[in-house]
Amino acid sequence: MTDRTGLPPSSAPPDGFRPGADRSRPPAPGDLALPVTGAKLLTAADGRPLRVVDLPADTDWVPLGTLDGTPAWATDVPSADDLPGRARGWASLAAEVPEPHASLAGRALAVVTWRRTHRWCGACRAELTDLPGETARRCPACGLYVPMQLSAAVLVAITRPGPAGRADELLLVRHATGPTGLWALVAGFVEAGETLEAAVHREVGEEVRLPVDRLAYFGSQPWAISGPGVLLAGFTARAADPHAEPVVDGRELTEARWFGLDALPAELPPAYSISRWLIDATVTARRR
């Protein structure tokens, strides 16, 4: 797996994006600014973050962490009218900017959306207060602790031996919703009380009715398209029965097919996604 610099995540530059919630000092004019309006971000024309000095002096800022050592801040704005920058969805932004910028933008969307939807205590209805140094809130009346929660999801690149003398094959599927024209990987959300590995076996069984083995962890990616606070965990696996054919569930999937690793379709997931990283890594591994 590589990021947009071509380096594996473990070899990425030591700074990059580091999430945080430090409010020990106020925002400086040159700090990075990520205004969120609805489900979009305001950015400079080239997709890079604005600066704090670009926004009104009375802006209410929320800490996000640092990007290459520079503090970054988010703010929730009801309208982009009269504000600088261009409103962008996360998908179009992630397709253009380096990976650390995409991660920062995803965190801005996640944090602002969480704060927007977690203002009141779900136990006693009092207004929640921020906890210093944490992306969390606490109820001053009943003491309820409300951390920002993540939704874990898994996706898996399943391969099997190809016909004699041919390349191995990769299972790709088409979904009933979302970008229905893409050939993607089997994926799904993890249930409460379930391990990541168990979720892979369950999702593959539910969606294409195939048993898999040789399950191996590949890597992870924060994902801001399926909803704020989603973390994707990628795996590779082999079909336990190399002769078995997928049977789609007819509800989440419309089609599932085996493709030779030397004859993959053009309609693959975007280059910034872990789904594509998995596919590309699978192709590369089979060439060695």
Protein backbone atom coordinates (compact mmCIF):
# COMPACT_ATOMS: atom_id res chain seq x y z
CA MET A 1 0.00 0.00 0.00
CA THR A 2 1.28 3.43 -0.88
CA ASP A 3 0.10 6.98 -0.42
CA ARG A 4 0.01 9.59 -3.17
CA THR A 5 3.74 10.20 -2.71
CA GLY A 6 4.42 6.59 -3.70
CA LEU A 7 5.68 5.70 -0.21
CA PRO A 8 4.16 3.02 2.02
CA PRO A 9 2.39 4.64 5.03
CA SER A 10 5.13 3.36 7.35
CA SER A 11 7.69 5.21 5.21
CA ALA A 12 5.73 8.47 5.00
CA PRO A 13 7.43 11.67 6.14
CA PRO A 14 7.63 11.94 9.94
CA ASP A 15 5.40 15.02 10.14
CA GLY A 16 2.43 14.69 7.81
CA PHE A 17 -0.97 14.99 9.45
CA ARG A 18 -1.24 14.33 13.17
CA PRO A 19 -4.71 14.56 14.75
CA GLY A 20 -5.03 16.44 18.01
CA ALA A 21 -7.31 18.56 20.17
CA ASP A 22 -4.91 21.09 21.71
CA ARG A 23 -6.60 24.35 22.76
CA SER A 24 -3.70 25.55 24.89
CA ARG A 25 -3.11 28.49 22.57
CA PRO A 26 -5.48 30.43 20.30
CA PRO A 27 -5.23 30.08 16.51
CA ALA A 28 -2.46 32.14 14.90
CA PRO A 29 -3.12 34.05 11.66
CA GLY A 30 -0.91 31.67 9.66
CA ASP A 31 -2.49 28.48 11.01
CA LEU A 32 -4.46 26.28 8.62
CA ALA A 33 -8.21 26.89 8.41
CA LEU A 34 -10.82 24.35 7.31
CA PRO A 35 -14.31 25.87 7.29
CA VAL A 36 -17.08 23.27 6.89
CA THR A 37 -20.42 24.20 5.35
CA GLY A 38 -22.92 21.37 5.36
CA ALA A 39 -21.03 18.36 3.98
CA LYS A 40 -18.42 20.41 2.10
CA LEU A 41 -15.18 22.22 2.90
CA LEU A 42 -14.00 25.65 1.84
CA THR A 43 -10.50 25.48 0.38
CA ALA A 44 -8.14 27.60 -1.67
CA ALA A 45 -8.42 27.31 -5.45
CA ASP A 46 -5.75 24.58 -5.53
CA GLY A 47 -7.51 22.54 -2.85
CA ARG A 48 -5.06 23.43 -0.09
CA PRO A 49 -6.38 24.73 3.25
CA LEU A 50 -7.15 28.40 3.80
CA ARG A 51 -5.45 30.32 6.63
CA VAL A 52 -7.00 31.56 9.86
CA VAL A 53 -6.35 35.13 8.76
CA ASP A 54 -8.68 34.56 5.78
CA LEU A 55 -11.72 34.15 8.06
CA PRO A 56 -13.49 36.73 10.29
CA ALA A 57 -11.77 37.54 13.59
CA ASP A 58 -14.73 36.28 15.66
CA THR A 59 -14.71 32.79 14.11
CA ASP A 60 -15.26 29.94 16.57
CA TRP A 61 -12.41 27.49 15.94
CA VAL A 62 -12.08 23.79 16.81
CA PRO A 63 -8.58 22.19 16.90
CA LEU A 64 -7.86 19.37 14.44
CA GLY A 65 -4.16 18.65 14.99
CA THR A 66 -1.15 19.61 12.87
CA LEU A 67 -0.09 19.26 9.25
CA ASP A 68 3.69 19.21 8.86
CA GLY A 69 3.90 20.93 12.25
CA THR A 70 1.40 23.71 11.47
CA PRO A 71 -1.72 23.76 13.67
CA ALA A 72 -5.00 23.24 11.83
CA TRP A 73 -8.46 24.42 12.88
CA ALA A 74 -12.01 23.78 11.72
CA THR A 75 -15.15 25.85 12.00
CA ASP A 76 -18.81 25.20 11.21
CA VAL A 77 -20.23 27.88 8.92
CA PRO A 78 -23.95 27.92 8.00
CA SER A 79 -23.28 29.52 4.63
CA ALA A 80 -20.30 30.05 2.35
CA ASP A 81 -21.64 33.39 1.16
CA ASP A 82 -19.16 36.25 1.62
CA LEU A 83 -16.40 33.83 2.67
CA PRO A 84 -13.26 33.13 0.65
CA GLY A 85 -12.51 29.80 -0.94
CA ARG A 86 -14.27 27.15 -2.97
CA ALA A 87 -16.76 24.66 -1.51
CA ARG A 88 -15.61 21.10 -2.21
CA GLY A 89 -16.85 17.64 -1.40
CA TRP A 90 -14.30 15.29 0.15
CA ALA A 91 -14.16 12.92 -2.82
CA SER A 92 -13.22 15.58 -5.37
CA LEU A 93 -10.75 17.10 -2.92
CA ALA A 94 -9.06 13.80 -2.07
CA ALA A 95 -8.60 13.10 -5.78
CA GLU A 96 -6.45 16.23 -6.19
CA VAL A 97 -4.45 16.90 -3.01
CA PRO A 98 -1.66 14.90 -1.33
CA GLU A 99 -2.79 12.23 1.12
CA PRO A 100 -2.02 14.15 4.35
CA HIS A 101 -4.23 17.01 3.16
CA ALA A 102 -7.04 14.56 2.37
CA SER A 103 -6.78 13.05 5.87
CA LEU A 104 -6.89 16.49 7.45
CA ALA A 105 -9.96 17.42 5.38
CA GLY A 106 -11.66 14.18 6.38
CA ARG A 107 -11.01 14.88 10.05
CA ALA A 108 -12.43 18.39 9.69
CA LEU A 109 -15.66 17.00 8.24
CA ALA A 110 -15.86 14.28 10.89
CA VAL A 111 -15.21 16.55 13.88
CA VAL A 112 -17.54 19.33 12.77
CA THR A 113 -20.35 16.91 11.89
CA TRP A 114 -19.94 15.11 15.22
CA ARG A 115 -20.09 18.37 17.17
CA ARG A 116 -23.15 19.44 15.18
CA THR A 117 -25.01 16.25 16.05
CA HIS A 118 -23.78 15.83 19.63
CA ARG A 119 -24.66 19.10 21.32
CA TRP A 120 -27.10 17.72 23.89
CA CYS A 121 -26.83 14.94 26.47
CA GLY A 122 -28.72 11.82 25.37
CA ALA A 123 -29.36 10.86 29.00
CA CYS A 124 -30.62 14.04 30.66
CA ARG A 125 -30.85 16.58 27.79
CA ALA A 126 -28.41 19.08 29.29
CA GLU A 127 -26.01 20.90 26.94
CA LEU A 128 -22.68 19.12 26.64
CA THR A 129 -19.35 20.85 27.28
CA ASP A 130 -15.99 20.28 25.57
CA LEU A 131 -13.22 18.39 27.36
CA PRO A 132 -9.79 20.10 27.09
CA GLY A 133 -7.28 18.14 25.04
CA GLU A 134 -9.84 15.61 23.78
CA THR A 135 -12.26 15.25 20.90
CA ALA A 136 -14.95 14.51 23.45
CA ARG A 137 -17.70 16.16 25.46
CA ARG A 138 -19.12 15.66 28.94
CA CYS A 139 -22.50 16.42 30.43
CA PRO A 140 -22.15 18.91 33.32
CA ALA A 141 -25.40 17.65 34.85
CA CYS A 142 -25.10 13.84 34.88
CA GLY A 143 -21.44 13.35 33.96
CA LEU A 144 -22.07 11.39 30.74
CA TYR A 145 -18.84 11.08 28.75
CA VAL A 146 -19.35 11.46 24.98
CA PRO A 147 -16.23 10.72 22.92
CA MET A 148 -16.24 11.01 19.17
CA GLN A 149 -16.92 7.51 17.93
CA LEU A 150 -15.66 5.76 14.81
CA SER A 151 -17.54 3.31 12.62
CA ALA A 152 -15.28 0.48 11.48
CA ALA A 153 -15.74 -1.15 8.08
CA VAL A 154 -13.81 -3.88 6.27
CA LEU A 155 -13.04 -4.56 2.63
CA VAL A 156 -11.25 -7.51 1.12
CA ALA A 157 -9.39 -8.39 -2.08
CA ILE A 158 -10.23 -12.04 -2.77
CA THR A 159 -8.14 -13.98 -5.29
CA ARG A 160 -8.11 -17.50 -6.71
CA PRO A 161 -5.82 -19.37 -9.11
CA GLY A 162 -6.56 -18.66 -12.74
CA PRO A 163 -6.96 -21.29 -15.46
CA ALA A 164 -3.83 -23.26 -16.32
CA GLY A 165 -1.19 -20.94 -17.68
CA ARG A 166 -3.22 -17.83 -16.88
CA ALA A 167 -2.92 -15.13 -14.22
CA ASP A 168 -4.65 -15.37 -10.87
CA GLU A 169 -8.15 -13.91 -10.69
CA LEU A 170 -9.58 -11.17 -8.46
CA LEU A 171 -13.20 -10.97 -7.36
CA LEU A 172 -14.84 -7.62 -8.12
CA VAL A 173 -18.41 -6.55 -7.45
CA ARG A 174 -20.87 -3.85 -8.43
CA HIS A 175 -23.02 -2.26 -5.75
CA ALA A 176 -26.71 -1.48 -5.96
CA THR A 177 -26.20 2.03 -4.56
CA GLY A 178 -23.47 4.66 -4.71
CA PRO A 179 -21.11 4.63 -7.70
CA THR A 180 -22.89 1.69 -9.36
CA GLY A 181 -20.66 1.77 -12.45
CA LEU A 182 -17.50 0.88 -10.54
CA TRP A 183 -16.07 -2.60 -10.07
CA ALA A 184 -15.14 -2.63 -6.39
CA LEU A 185 -14.27 -5.00 -3.53
CA VAL A 186 -16.60 -6.74 -1.12
CA ALA A 187 -17.00 -4.45 1.90
CA GLY A 188 -19.23 -3.79 4.87
CA PHE A 189 -19.51 -2.39 8.37
CA VAL A 190 -18.33 -4.24 11.47
CA GLU A 191 -21.06 -5.27 13.92
CA ALA A 192 -20.85 -4.71 17.68
CA GLY A 193 -19.01 -7.57 19.36
CA GLU A 194 -17.41 -8.67 16.08
CA THR A 195 -13.71 -8.80 15.20
CA LEU A 196 -12.47 -7.33 11.94
CA GLU A 197 -11.65 -10.81 10.67
CA ALA A 198 -15.08 -12.17 11.56
CA ALA A 199 -16.66 -9.22 9.76
CA VAL A 200 -14.75 -10.12 6.59
CA HIS A 201 -15.99 -13.72 6.66
CA ARG A 202 -19.56 -12.61 7.39
CA GLU A 203 -19.69 -9.92 4.70
CA VAL A 204 -18.20 -12.21 2.05
CA GLY A 205 -20.65 -14.94 3.01
CA GLU A 206 -23.63 -12.59 2.96
CA GLU A 207 -22.78 -10.73 -0.23
CA VAL A 208 -21.26 -13.39 -2.52
CA ARG A 209 -21.69 -16.69 -0.58
CA LEU A 210 -18.04 -17.66 -0.79
CA PRO A 211 -15.83 -19.12 1.96
CA VAL A 212 -12.35 -17.58 2.16
CA ASP A 213 -9.10 -18.44 3.90
CA ARG A 214 -5.52 -17.12 4.18
CA LEU A 215 -6.94 -13.84 5.49
CA ALA A 216 -4.24 -11.18 5.97
CA TYR A 217 -4.44 -7.59 7.19
CA PHE A 218 -3.38 -5.00 4.60
CA GLY A 219 -3.86 -1.52 6.06
CA SER A 220 -6.45 1.11 6.92
CA GLN A 221 -7.74 4.49 5.80
CA PRO A 222 -10.05 7.12 7.32
CA TRP A 223 -12.95 7.50 4.92
CA ALA A 224 -15.14 10.60 4.67
CA ILE A 225 -17.58 9.49 1.95
CA SER A 226 -19.62 6.79 3.71
CA GLY A 227 -20.19 9.17 6.62
CA PRO A 228 -18.04 11.05 9.12
CA GLY A 229 -15.92 8.95 11.43
CA VAL A 230 -15.61 5.88 9.19
CA LEU A 231 -12.38 3.85 9.32
CA LEU A 232 -11.78 1.28 6.56
CA ALA A 233 -9.64 -1.79 7.32
CA GLY A 234 -8.40 -3.67 4.27
CA PHE A 235 -7.60 -7.38 3.96
CA THR A 236 -6.46 -9.87 1.36
CA ALA A 237 -7.81 -13.42 1.17
CA ARG A 238 -7.94 -16.50 -1.05
CA ALA A 239 -11.07 -18.32 -2.11
CA ALA A 240 -11.28 -21.50 -0.04
CA ASP A 241 -12.85 -23.30 -3.02
CA PRO A 242 -11.05 -22.17 -6.19
CA HIS A 243 -13.90 -23.50 -8.34
CA ALA A 244 -16.73 -21.73 -6.50
CA GLU A 245 -18.58 -18.93 -8.26
CA PRO A 246 -19.99 -15.88 -6.47
CA VAL A 247 -23.73 -15.58 -5.91
CA VAL A 248 -24.79 -11.98 -5.28
CA ASP A 249 -27.27 -11.20 -2.56
CA GLY A 250 -29.43 -9.15 -4.94
CA ARG A 251 -29.84 -6.48 -2.29
CA GLU A 252 -26.48 -4.76 -1.79
CA LEU A 253 -24.80 -6.12 -4.92
CA THR A 254 -25.98 -6.37 -8.52
CA GLU A 255 -23.06 -8.28 -10.01
CA ALA A 256 -19.90 -10.18 -9.01
CA ARG A 257 -17.26 -11.56 -11.37
CA TRP A 258 -13.75 -13.02 -11.37
CA PHE A 259 -11.26 -10.98 -13.44
CA GLY A 260 -7.76 -12.01 -14.42
CA LEU A 261 -5.18 -9.79 -12.74
CA ASP A 262 -3.85 -9.06 -16.23
CA ALA A 263 -7.30 -8.10 -17.53
CA LEU A 264 -8.95 -5.90 -14.92
CA PRO A 265 -11.76 -3.56 -16.01
CA ALA A 266 -11.15 0.16 -16.43
CA GLU A 267 -13.96 1.10 -14.04
CA LEU A 268 -12.00 0.67 -10.81
CA PRO A 269 -12.16 2.69 -7.55
CA PRO A 270 -10.33 6.04 -7.47
CA ALA A 271 -6.58 6.17 -6.89
CA TYR A 272 -6.92 7.85 -3.47
CA SER A 273 -8.96 4.96 -2.00
CA ILE A 274 -7.73 1.97 -0.01
CA SER A 275 -9.86 -0.16 -2.31
CA ARG A 276 -7.65 0.85 -5.23
CA TRP A 277 -4.49 0.46 -3.13
CA LEU A 278 -5.54 -3.11 -2.38
CA ILE A 279 -6.25 -3.87 -6.03
CA ASP A 280 -2.97 -2.35 -7.22
CA ALA A 281 -0.98 -4.14 -4.50
CA THR A 282 -2.60 -7.45 -5.43
CA VAL A 283 -1.63 -6.98 -9.07
CA THR A 284 1.93 -6.03 -8.13
CA ALA A 285 2.33 -9.00 -5.77
CA ARG A 286 1.31 -11.49 -8.45
CA ARG A 287 3.92 -10.11 -10.86
CA ARG A 288 6.78 -10.95 -8.52
